[in-house]
Structures are given as structure tokens and as C-alpha cells.
């Protein structure tokens, strides 16, 4: 076998480029889809370096190489981020497992709700009965002011916000529960 010269085609990433890539990957991991973890992003960075080396074999100046590499890798992260914003998260689990888990979680939540004081219990049971009530993006009605948190919680529970401070009761109950869990 004839020995071959190692040229720009097989150039390894220098230490400065590697450190920049690691720092950029750590800082931008939150932007990429959940199926892409840090190791995948670092591997993609190494792939981007090889793409850059093969696409621009005549470039020798380090500043020019780093400029090309940073642009290629940041564009790659932007493309992944766009995929994340378009992607709909779906869980591939068998329906009977989901039903059993849901029933178990529901029974735990109902048990948790029945341990609460009466007004907090009413709110928690209303939320468990209709969880879509809490998923609204905005609670503002047209041409009116936004209700306070207490008014909104009382509305969910069917209570009068002038008679009870449901927000502070809920905070007290959940704060007490969290301190018991620790």
C-alpha cells in the first residue's frame, strides 16, 4: 500500500475551535429538540468541522477557518431549533399503560385534594374535573381588566373572591405539603 500524505482534507479540530464548540453547544442546548442531547450536539459540531474542511480545502488562515466553522455550526443549531418549534411532542406508549398510569395519578391527586382544607379542596377537584380550564393562554375578557389570581382561582372553584382569599390558602397548603415532602 502506498503511503498517502495527510493534507487539509483530514485536518483535526484545533483546541480553540473545540472549546468554542463545547461552549456554544452548552449554551444553546435548550434550543434544540428534546431528542438531541449534548453528546449529539457535540458530535454534530465535529461533523460541521469536517464539512467545513472538505468544502473549503484551500483555506489556511485560522481566523477564516473559525469564521466559517462558527457560521456553519450556528446555522446547524438554528436549523435544529426550527425543527423543535415545528415539532409536536408525541409519546409512543401503549394505551392500556397510559390508562393505568392516568388512573393511578388521578387517584393520587384525588387523595391529595381530599386532604386539603374545604375551599382548596373545591378548587383542586374542579381543576381535576376540567383541567382544560387552566390551559387557557389568556384569562382576559374583551374590553375588561385581567382578573387577579385570587379572582380567577375563585371562579374556577365557584367561590366568591370577596369572601375568601383562595390564593393564600392554596399557597399555605402547598407550601406546607412541600415542606413535609422534604
N, C-alpha and C. Protein backbone atom coordinates (compact mmCIF):
# COMPACT_ATOMS: atom_id res chain seq x y z
N UNK A 1 0.84 -1.17 0.00
CA UNK A 1 0.00 0.00 0.00
C UNK A 1 0.89 1.24 0.00
N UNK A 2 0.58 2.15 -0.84
CA UNK A 2 1.37 3.37 -0.96
C UNK A 2 0.92 4.35 0.12
N UNK A 3 1.88 4.93 0.83
CA UNK A 3 1.58 5.91 1.87
C UNK A 3 1.00 7.17 1.28
N UNK A 4 0.10 7.73 1.90
CA UNK A 4 -0.58 8.92 1.43
C UNK A 4 -0.26 10.07 2.36
N UNK A 5 -0.09 11.24 1.81
CA UNK A 5 0.16 12.42 2.65
C UNK A 5 -1.13 12.84 3.33
N UNK A 6 -0.98 13.23 4.55
CA UNK A 6 -2.14 13.74 5.28
C UNK A 6 -2.24 15.23 4.99
N UNK A 7 -3.31 15.63 4.33
CA UNK A 7 -3.46 17.02 3.93
C UNK A 7 -4.58 17.70 4.69
N UNK A 8 -5.08 18.82 4.17
CA UNK A 8 -6.15 19.58 4.80
C UNK A 8 -7.43 18.78 4.89
N UNK A 9 -7.59 17.80 4.04
CA UNK A 9 -8.81 17.03 3.99
C UNK A 9 -9.08 16.32 5.33
N UNK A 10 -8.04 15.91 6.02
CA UNK A 10 -8.18 15.17 7.28
C UNK A 10 -7.81 16.03 8.48
N UNK A 11 -7.87 17.32 8.35
CA UNK A 11 -7.43 18.22 9.42
C UNK A 11 -8.29 18.03 10.67
N UNK A 12 -7.60 17.89 11.78
CA UNK A 12 -8.31 17.75 13.06
C UNK A 12 -8.66 19.13 13.59
N UNK A 13 -9.68 19.17 14.41
CA UNK A 13 -10.13 20.42 15.00
C UNK A 13 -9.10 20.89 16.03
N UNK A 14 -8.74 22.17 15.98
CA UNK A 14 -7.78 22.68 16.95
C UNK A 14 -8.46 22.94 18.30
N UNK A 15 -7.67 23.20 19.31
CA UNK A 15 -8.18 23.35 20.67
C UNK A 15 -9.13 24.54 20.82
N UNK A 16 -8.83 25.65 20.17
CA UNK A 16 -9.69 26.83 20.25
C UNK A 16 -11.06 26.57 19.65
N UNK A 17 -11.10 25.90 18.50
CA UNK A 17 -12.37 25.58 17.86
C UNK A 17 -13.16 24.58 18.72
N UNK A 18 -12.46 23.63 19.30
CA UNK A 18 -13.13 22.63 20.15
C UNK A 18 -13.75 23.29 21.38
N UNK A 19 -13.00 24.20 22.02
CA UNK A 19 -13.54 24.88 23.20
C UNK A 19 -14.73 25.76 22.84
N UNK A 20 -14.63 26.48 21.70
CA UNK A 20 -15.75 27.32 21.27
C UNK A 20 -16.98 26.45 21.01
N UNK A 21 -16.78 25.31 20.33
CA UNK A 21 -17.90 24.43 20.00
C UNK A 21 -18.56 23.90 21.28
N UNK A 22 -17.77 23.48 22.26
CA UNK A 22 -18.33 22.97 23.52
C UNK A 22 -19.12 24.05 24.24
N UNK A 23 -18.56 25.26 24.31
CA UNK A 23 -19.25 26.35 24.98
C UNK A 23 -20.56 26.71 24.25
N UNK A 24 -20.51 26.75 22.93
CA UNK A 24 -21.70 27.09 22.15
C UNK A 24 -22.76 25.99 22.29
N UNK A 25 -22.32 24.74 22.30
CA UNK A 25 -23.27 23.62 22.45
C UNK A 25 -23.93 23.67 23.82
N UNK A 26 -23.16 23.93 24.88
CA UNK A 26 -23.74 24.03 26.22
C UNK A 26 -24.74 25.17 26.32
N UNK A 27 -24.39 26.31 25.75
CA UNK A 27 -25.26 27.49 25.87
C UNK A 27 -26.53 27.38 25.04
N UNK A 28 -26.50 26.59 23.97
CA UNK A 28 -27.64 26.53 23.06
C UNK A 28 -28.36 25.20 23.09
N UNK A 29 -28.07 24.35 24.06
CA UNK A 29 -28.72 23.05 24.15
C UNK A 29 -30.22 23.19 24.35
N UNK A 30 -30.66 24.21 25.07
CA UNK A 30 -32.08 24.41 25.34
C UNK A 30 -32.87 24.69 24.07
N UNK A 31 -32.20 25.13 23.01
CA UNK A 31 -32.89 25.49 21.78
C UNK A 31 -33.21 24.30 20.89
N UNK A 32 -32.48 23.21 21.04
CA UNK A 32 -32.63 22.08 20.13
C UNK A 32 -33.73 21.14 20.63
N UNK A 33 -34.26 20.26 19.77
CA UNK A 33 -35.33 19.35 20.19
C UNK A 33 -34.88 18.42 21.31
N UNK A 34 -35.84 17.87 22.01
CA UNK A 34 -35.54 17.01 23.17
C UNK A 34 -34.83 15.73 22.78
N UNK A 35 -35.00 15.29 21.55
CA UNK A 35 -34.34 14.06 21.11
C UNK A 35 -32.86 14.27 20.83
N UNK A 36 -32.39 15.49 20.86
CA UNK A 36 -30.98 15.81 20.61
C UNK A 36 -30.35 16.22 21.94
N UNK A 37 -29.48 15.37 22.48
CA UNK A 37 -28.84 15.71 23.75
C UNK A 37 -27.47 16.36 23.50
N UNK A 38 -26.74 16.64 24.56
CA UNK A 38 -25.47 17.37 24.45
C UNK A 38 -24.45 16.60 23.63
N UNK A 39 -24.36 15.28 23.83
CA UNK A 39 -23.40 14.48 23.07
C UNK A 39 -23.70 14.53 21.58
N UNK A 40 -24.98 14.50 21.22
CA UNK A 40 -25.36 14.60 19.81
C UNK A 40 -24.96 15.95 19.24
N UNK A 41 -25.16 17.00 20.01
CA UNK A 41 -24.84 18.34 19.54
C UNK A 41 -23.33 18.51 19.36
N UNK A 42 -22.55 17.92 20.25
CA UNK A 42 -21.08 17.97 20.13
C UNK A 42 -20.63 17.17 18.91
N UNK A 43 -21.23 16.01 18.70
CA UNK A 43 -20.91 15.21 17.51
C UNK A 43 -21.28 15.97 16.24
N UNK A 44 -22.40 16.68 16.27
CA UNK A 44 -22.80 17.50 15.12
C UNK A 44 -21.78 18.62 14.88
N UNK A 45 -21.21 19.15 15.96
CA UNK A 45 -20.18 20.18 15.81
C UNK A 45 -18.94 19.64 15.13
N UNK A 46 -18.54 18.42 15.51
CA UNK A 46 -17.39 17.80 14.84
C UNK A 46 -17.71 17.53 13.38
N UNK A 47 -18.95 17.13 13.10
CA UNK A 47 -19.38 16.91 11.73
C UNK A 47 -19.32 18.22 10.94
N UNK A 48 -19.76 19.32 11.55
CA UNK A 48 -19.71 20.61 10.88
C UNK A 48 -18.27 21.02 10.58
N UNK A 49 -17.35 20.70 11.49
CA UNK A 49 -15.93 21.00 11.24
C UNK A 49 -15.45 20.23 10.01
N UNK A 50 -15.78 18.95 9.92
CA UNK A 50 -15.36 18.15 8.77
C UNK A 50 -16.00 18.64 7.48
N UNK A 51 -17.25 19.05 7.53
CA UNK A 51 -17.91 19.62 6.35
C UNK A 51 -17.18 20.87 5.90
N UNK A 52 -16.82 21.70 6.86
CA UNK A 52 -16.12 22.94 6.53
C UNK A 52 -14.75 22.65 5.93
N UNK A 53 -14.02 21.70 6.49
CA UNK A 53 -12.68 21.37 5.99
C UNK A 53 -12.77 20.82 4.56
N UNK A 54 -13.75 19.97 4.31
CA UNK A 54 -13.88 19.38 2.98
C UNK A 54 -14.43 20.37 1.96
N UNK A 55 -15.27 21.28 2.40
CA UNK A 55 -15.87 22.23 1.47
C UNK A 55 -14.90 23.35 1.09
N UNK A 56 -14.00 23.72 2.02
CA UNK A 56 -13.05 24.80 1.78
C UNK A 56 -11.62 24.29 2.01
N UNK A 57 -11.09 23.44 1.10
CA UNK A 57 -9.77 22.85 1.32
C UNK A 57 -8.62 23.85 1.19
N UNK A 58 -8.83 24.97 0.53
CA UNK A 58 -7.74 25.91 0.30
C UNK A 58 -7.59 26.95 1.40
N UNK A 59 -8.53 26.98 2.32
CA UNK A 59 -8.47 27.98 3.39
C UNK A 59 -7.46 27.50 4.43
N UNK A 60 -6.47 28.37 4.74
CA UNK A 60 -5.41 28.00 5.69
C UNK A 60 -5.39 28.92 6.92
N UNK A 61 -5.87 30.12 6.78
CA UNK A 61 -5.81 31.09 7.87
C UNK A 61 -6.79 30.70 8.98
N UNK A 62 -6.29 30.70 10.21
CA UNK A 62 -7.09 30.26 11.35
C UNK A 62 -8.33 31.12 11.55
N UNK A 63 -8.22 32.44 11.41
CA UNK A 63 -9.37 33.32 11.59
C UNK A 63 -10.46 33.01 10.58
N UNK A 64 -10.04 32.75 9.35
CA UNK A 64 -11.00 32.43 8.30
C UNK A 64 -11.67 31.08 8.59
N UNK A 65 -10.87 30.10 9.02
CA UNK A 65 -11.42 28.78 9.38
C UNK A 65 -12.44 28.90 10.51
N UNK A 66 -12.09 29.65 11.54
CA UNK A 66 -13.00 29.80 12.67
C UNK A 66 -14.27 30.53 12.26
N UNK A 67 -14.14 31.53 11.41
CA UNK A 67 -15.32 32.25 10.93
C UNK A 67 -16.26 31.33 10.17
N UNK A 68 -15.70 30.50 9.30
CA UNK A 68 -16.52 29.54 8.56
C UNK A 68 -17.16 28.52 9.49
N UNK A 69 -16.35 28.00 10.43
CA UNK A 69 -16.86 26.97 11.34
C UNK A 69 -17.96 27.52 12.24
N UNK A 70 -17.77 28.71 12.80
CA UNK A 70 -18.81 29.26 13.67
C UNK A 70 -20.11 29.50 12.92
N UNK A 71 -20.00 29.95 11.66
CA UNK A 71 -21.20 30.18 10.87
C UNK A 71 -21.90 28.86 10.54
N UNK A 72 -21.14 27.84 10.15
CA UNK A 72 -21.74 26.55 9.79
C UNK A 72 -22.40 25.91 11.01
N UNK A 73 -21.71 25.91 12.15
CA UNK A 73 -22.27 25.26 13.34
C UNK A 73 -23.46 26.04 13.90
N UNK A 74 -23.39 27.36 13.92
CA UNK A 74 -24.53 28.13 14.43
C UNK A 74 -25.73 27.98 13.50
N UNK A 75 -25.51 27.92 12.19
CA UNK A 75 -26.62 27.66 11.26
C UNK A 75 -27.24 26.29 11.51
N UNK A 76 -26.40 25.31 11.81
CA UNK A 76 -26.90 23.97 12.11
C UNK A 76 -27.78 23.98 13.36
N UNK A 77 -27.34 24.70 14.40
CA UNK A 77 -28.13 24.79 15.63
C UNK A 77 -29.45 25.52 15.35
N UNK A 78 -29.41 26.56 14.51
CA UNK A 78 -30.64 27.28 14.15
C UNK A 78 -31.62 26.36 13.43
N UNK A 79 -31.11 25.51 12.53
CA UNK A 79 -31.98 24.57 11.82
C UNK A 79 -32.61 23.58 12.80
N UNK A 80 -31.82 23.09 13.77
CA UNK A 80 -32.37 22.20 14.78
C UNK A 80 -33.42 22.91 15.62
N UNK A 81 -33.17 24.18 15.95
CA UNK A 81 -34.14 24.94 16.75
C UNK A 81 -35.44 25.13 15.98
N UNK A 82 -35.34 25.36 14.69
CA UNK A 82 -36.55 25.48 13.88
C UNK A 82 -37.32 24.17 13.83
N UNK A 83 -36.61 23.05 13.79
CA UNK A 83 -37.28 21.76 13.83
C UNK A 83 -38.01 21.58 15.16
N UNK A 84 -37.41 22.10 16.24
CA UNK A 84 -38.04 21.98 17.55
C UNK A 84 -39.33 22.78 17.60
N UNK A 85 -39.32 23.97 17.02
CA UNK A 85 -40.51 24.80 17.11
C UNK A 85 -41.64 24.26 16.24
N UNK A 86 -41.32 23.50 15.20
CA UNK A 86 -42.34 22.92 14.33
C UNK A 86 -42.82 21.58 14.87
N UNK A 87 -41.96 20.89 15.58
CA UNK A 87 -42.22 19.53 16.05
C UNK A 87 -43.30 19.49 17.13
N UNK A 88 -44.14 18.48 17.05
CA UNK A 88 -45.15 18.23 18.07
C UNK A 88 -44.65 17.04 18.88
N UNK A 89 -44.49 17.25 20.19
CA UNK A 89 -44.02 16.17 21.05
C UNK A 89 -45.10 15.11 21.19
N UNK A 90 -44.77 13.88 20.85
CA UNK A 90 -45.70 12.78 21.00
C UNK A 90 -45.02 11.66 21.75
N UNK A 91 -45.76 11.03 22.57
CA UNK A 91 -45.26 9.91 23.35
C UNK A 91 -45.80 8.61 22.74
N UNK A 92 -44.92 7.69 22.42
CA UNK A 92 -45.33 6.42 21.83
C UNK A 92 -45.43 5.37 22.94
N UNK A 93 -46.57 5.31 23.60
CA UNK A 93 -46.79 4.37 24.69
C UNK A 93 -48.11 3.65 24.43
N UNK A 94 -48.18 2.41 24.87
CA UNK A 94 -49.40 1.64 24.67
C UNK A 94 -50.55 2.25 25.47
N UNK A 95 -51.77 2.24 24.90
CA UNK A 95 -52.91 2.90 25.55
C UNK A 95 -53.26 2.33 26.92
N UNK A 96 -53.15 1.00 27.12
CA UNK A 96 -53.51 0.44 28.42
C UNK A 96 -52.55 0.88 29.52
N UNK A 97 -51.28 1.06 29.17
CA UNK A 97 -50.30 1.54 30.15
C UNK A 97 -50.63 2.99 30.52
N UNK A 98 -50.99 3.78 29.51
CA UNK A 98 -51.36 5.17 29.76
C UNK A 98 -52.60 5.24 30.63
N UNK A 99 -53.59 4.39 30.36
CA UNK A 99 -54.82 4.40 31.15
C UNK A 99 -54.54 4.02 32.60
N UNK A 100 -53.70 3.00 32.81
CA UNK A 100 -53.36 2.59 34.18
C UNK A 100 -52.58 3.69 34.90
N UNK A 101 -51.63 4.29 34.21
CA UNK A 101 -50.85 5.37 34.82
C UNK A 101 -51.74 6.57 35.12
N UNK A 102 -52.64 6.88 34.21
CA UNK A 102 -53.56 8.01 34.41
C UNK A 102 -54.47 7.75 35.60
N UNK A 103 -54.98 6.52 35.71
CA UNK A 103 -55.85 6.18 36.83
C UNK A 103 -55.10 6.27 38.15
N UNK A 104 -53.84 5.82 38.15
CA UNK A 104 -53.03 5.88 39.36
C UNK A 104 -52.74 7.34 39.73
N UNK A 105 -52.36 8.14 38.74
CA UNK A 105 -52.08 9.55 39.00
C UNK A 105 -53.33 10.28 39.46
N UNK A 106 -54.47 9.95 38.83
CA UNK A 106 -55.72 10.59 39.23
C UNK A 106 -56.08 10.24 40.66
N UNK A 107 -55.90 8.97 41.04
CA UNK A 107 -56.25 8.58 42.41
C UNK A 107 -55.34 9.26 43.43
N UNK A 108 -54.06 9.43 43.09
CA UNK A 108 -53.15 10.14 43.98
C UNK A 108 -53.55 11.61 44.11
N UNK A 109 -53.91 12.22 42.98
CA UNK A 109 -54.32 13.62 43.01
C UNK A 109 -55.63 13.81 43.78
N UNK A 110 -56.56 12.90 43.59
CA UNK A 110 -57.83 13.00 44.33
C UNK A 110 -57.57 12.83 45.82
N UNK A 111 -56.71 11.89 46.18
CA UNK A 111 -56.36 11.69 47.60
C UNK A 111 -55.70 12.96 48.15
N UNK A 112 -54.81 13.56 47.35
CA UNK A 112 -54.15 14.80 47.75
C UNK A 112 -55.18 15.92 47.94
N UNK A 113 -56.15 15.99 47.02
CA UNK A 113 -57.17 17.04 47.10
C UNK A 113 -58.06 16.86 48.33
N UNK A 114 -58.40 15.63 48.67
CA UNK A 114 -59.28 15.41 49.82
C UNK A 114 -58.60 15.68 51.15
N UNK A 115 -57.28 15.76 51.16
CA UNK A 115 -56.57 16.11 52.39
C UNK A 115 -56.53 17.62 52.61
N UNK A 116 -56.88 18.39 51.60
CA UNK A 116 -56.80 19.85 51.66
C UNK A 116 -57.98 20.44 52.44
N UNK A 117 -57.84 21.70 52.89
CA UNK A 117 -58.98 22.39 53.50
C UNK A 117 -60.13 22.51 52.50
N UNK A 118 -61.32 22.78 52.98
CA UNK A 118 -62.54 22.70 52.17
C UNK A 118 -62.48 23.56 50.91
N UNK A 119 -62.09 24.83 51.01
CA UNK A 119 -62.09 25.70 49.84
C UNK A 119 -61.00 25.32 48.84
N UNK A 120 -59.83 24.93 49.34
CA UNK A 120 -58.75 24.47 48.46
C UNK A 120 -59.16 23.15 47.81
N UNK A 121 -59.83 22.28 48.57
CA UNK A 121 -60.32 21.01 48.03
C UNK A 121 -61.28 21.25 46.87
N UNK A 122 -62.15 22.23 47.03
CA UNK A 122 -63.12 22.55 45.98
C UNK A 122 -62.39 22.98 44.70
N UNK A 123 -61.36 23.80 44.85
CA UNK A 123 -60.58 24.26 43.70
C UNK A 123 -59.85 23.08 43.05
N UNK A 124 -59.16 22.27 43.82
CA UNK A 124 -58.39 21.16 43.26
C UNK A 124 -59.29 20.16 42.55
N UNK A 125 -60.45 19.88 43.13
CA UNK A 125 -61.37 18.94 42.48
C UNK A 125 -61.94 19.53 41.18
N UNK A 126 -62.17 20.84 41.16
CA UNK A 126 -62.65 21.49 39.93
C UNK A 126 -61.58 21.41 38.84
N UNK A 127 -60.33 21.60 39.22
CA UNK A 127 -59.24 21.51 38.24
C UNK A 127 -59.08 20.08 37.75
N UNK A 128 -59.19 19.10 38.65
CA UNK A 128 -59.08 17.70 38.24
C UNK A 128 -60.24 17.30 37.33
N UNK A 129 -61.41 17.86 37.56
CA UNK A 129 -62.57 17.52 36.73
C UNK A 129 -62.45 18.13 35.34
N UNK A 130 -61.93 19.34 35.25
CA UNK A 130 -61.80 20.02 33.96
C UNK A 130 -60.42 20.68 33.86
N UNK A 131 -59.36 19.91 33.57
CA UNK A 131 -58.01 20.50 33.51
C UNK A 131 -57.83 21.51 32.39
N UNK A 132 -58.70 21.46 31.38
CA UNK A 132 -58.57 22.41 30.27
C UNK A 132 -58.86 23.84 30.70
N UNK A 133 -59.51 24.03 31.84
CA UNK A 133 -59.78 25.39 32.33
C UNK A 133 -58.50 26.14 32.66
N UNK A 134 -57.47 25.42 33.10
CA UNK A 134 -56.22 26.08 33.47
C UNK A 134 -55.29 26.26 32.28
N UNK A 135 -55.61 25.68 31.14
CA UNK A 135 -54.72 25.71 29.99
C UNK A 135 -54.94 26.93 29.09
N UNK A 136 -55.82 27.82 29.44
CA UNK A 136 -56.07 28.99 28.62
C UNK A 136 -54.84 29.89 28.58
N UNK A 137 -54.54 30.38 27.38
CA UNK A 137 -53.37 31.25 27.23
C UNK A 137 -53.59 32.59 27.91
N UNK A 138 -54.81 33.12 27.82
CA UNK A 138 -55.10 34.39 28.45
C UNK A 138 -56.44 34.28 29.18
N UNK A 139 -56.51 34.94 30.30
CA UNK A 139 -57.75 34.91 31.09
C UNK A 139 -58.49 36.23 30.96
N UNK A 140 -58.08 37.08 30.05
CA UNK A 140 -58.66 38.41 29.89
C UNK A 140 -59.88 38.32 28.98
N UNK A 141 -60.93 38.97 29.37
CA UNK A 141 -62.12 39.05 28.53
C UNK A 141 -62.03 40.33 27.71
N UNK A 142 -62.65 40.39 26.56
CA UNK A 142 -62.56 41.61 25.73
C UNK A 142 -63.09 42.83 26.47
N UNK A 143 -62.38 43.92 26.36
CA UNK A 143 -62.75 45.22 26.94
C UNK A 143 -62.89 45.18 28.45
N UNK A 144 -62.12 44.36 29.11
CA UNK A 144 -62.16 44.34 30.58
C UNK A 144 -60.76 44.16 31.12
N UNK A 145 -60.64 44.35 32.41
CA UNK A 145 -59.33 44.17 33.02
C UNK A 145 -59.07 42.68 33.26
N UNK A 146 -57.83 42.35 33.45
CA UNK A 146 -57.45 40.98 33.74
C UNK A 146 -57.81 40.68 35.19
N UNK A 147 -58.45 39.54 35.45
CA UNK A 147 -58.79 39.24 36.85
C UNK A 147 -57.53 38.92 37.65
N UNK A 148 -57.60 39.18 38.93
CA UNK A 148 -56.48 38.83 39.80
C UNK A 148 -56.41 37.31 39.90
N UNK A 149 -55.29 36.81 40.40
CA UNK A 149 -55.13 35.37 40.55
C UNK A 149 -56.19 34.82 41.49
N UNK A 150 -56.47 35.53 42.58
CA UNK A 150 -57.48 35.08 43.52
C UNK A 150 -58.85 35.03 42.86
N UNK A 151 -59.20 36.05 42.07
CA UNK A 151 -60.49 36.06 41.38
C UNK A 151 -60.60 34.89 40.40
N UNK A 152 -59.51 34.62 39.69
CA UNK A 152 -59.51 33.52 38.72
C UNK A 152 -59.65 32.16 39.42
N UNK A 153 -58.91 31.97 40.52
CA UNK A 153 -58.99 30.71 41.26
C UNK A 153 -60.38 30.53 41.87
N UNK A 154 -60.93 31.60 42.41
CA UNK A 154 -62.29 31.53 42.98
C UNK A 154 -63.32 31.23 41.89
N UNK A 155 -63.12 31.78 40.72
CA UNK A 155 -64.03 31.50 39.60
C UNK A 155 -63.97 30.01 39.23
N UNK A 156 -62.76 29.43 39.23
CA UNK A 156 -62.63 28.00 38.93
C UNK A 156 -63.34 27.15 39.98
N UNK A 157 -63.23 27.56 41.23
CA UNK A 157 -63.81 26.79 42.33
C UNK A 157 -65.28 27.12 42.56
N UNK A 158 -65.78 28.19 41.94
CA UNK A 158 -67.16 28.58 42.14
C UNK A 158 -67.38 29.29 43.46
N UNK A 159 -66.38 30.03 43.92
CA UNK A 159 -66.46 30.75 45.19
C UNK A 159 -66.47 32.26 44.93
N UNK A 160 -66.84 33.01 45.96
CA UNK A 160 -66.86 34.46 45.86
C UNK A 160 -65.49 35.00 46.27
N UNK A 161 -64.78 35.74 45.38
CA UNK A 161 -63.44 36.24 45.71
C UNK A 161 -63.44 37.29 46.82
N UNK A 162 -64.60 37.94 47.10
CA UNK A 162 -64.66 38.92 48.18
C UNK A 162 -64.70 38.22 49.54
N UNK A 163 -65.17 36.99 49.58
CA UNK A 163 -65.32 36.28 50.86
C UNK A 163 -64.11 35.44 51.23
N UNK A 164 -63.35 34.98 50.26
CA UNK A 164 -62.21 34.12 50.62
C UNK A 164 -60.97 34.51 49.82
N UNK A 165 -59.82 34.28 50.44
CA UNK A 165 -58.54 34.50 49.78
C UNK A 165 -57.98 33.13 49.43
N UNK A 166 -58.44 32.60 48.32
CA UNK A 166 -58.09 31.24 47.92
C UNK A 166 -56.62 31.13 47.53
N UNK A 167 -56.07 32.19 46.98
CA UNK A 167 -54.66 32.17 46.57
C UNK A 167 -53.74 31.93 47.77
N UNK A 168 -53.94 32.67 48.84
CA UNK A 168 -53.06 32.49 50.00
C UNK A 168 -53.31 31.15 50.68
N UNK A 169 -54.57 30.68 50.70
CA UNK A 169 -54.86 29.36 51.26
C UNK A 169 -54.15 28.26 50.46
N UNK A 170 -54.18 28.40 49.14
CA UNK A 170 -53.53 27.42 48.28
C UNK A 170 -52.02 27.45 48.48
N UNK A 171 -51.45 28.66 48.57
CA UNK A 171 -50.01 28.77 48.83
C UNK A 171 -49.63 28.17 50.17
N UNK A 172 -50.44 28.42 51.18
CA UNK A 172 -50.17 27.87 52.51
C UNK A 172 -50.23 26.35 52.48
N UNK A 173 -51.26 25.82 51.84
CA UNK A 173 -51.42 24.37 51.79
C UNK A 173 -50.30 23.72 51.00
N UNK A 174 -49.98 24.25 49.82
CA UNK A 174 -48.93 23.65 49.01
C UNK A 174 -47.56 23.85 49.63
N UNK A 175 -47.33 24.99 50.27
CA UNK A 175 -46.07 25.22 50.95
C UNK A 175 -45.88 24.26 52.11
N UNK A 176 -46.95 24.01 52.85
CA UNK A 176 -46.89 23.06 53.96
C UNK A 176 -46.63 21.66 53.43
N UNK A 177 -47.28 21.29 52.32
CA UNK A 177 -47.10 19.96 51.73
C UNK A 177 -45.66 19.79 51.22
N UNK A 178 -45.10 20.84 50.58
CA UNK A 178 -43.74 20.75 50.07
C UNK A 178 -42.74 20.61 51.20
N UNK A 179 -42.95 21.30 52.32
CA UNK A 179 -42.00 21.18 53.43
C UNK A 179 -42.10 19.80 54.09
N UNK A 180 -43.26 19.15 54.03
CA UNK A 180 -43.40 17.81 54.57
C UNK A 180 -42.73 16.79 53.66
N UNK A 181 -42.69 17.04 52.34
CA UNK A 181 -42.09 16.11 51.40
C UNK A 181 -40.58 16.06 51.53
N UNK A 182 -39.97 17.14 52.02
CA UNK A 182 -38.51 17.20 52.08
C UNK A 182 -37.96 16.36 53.20
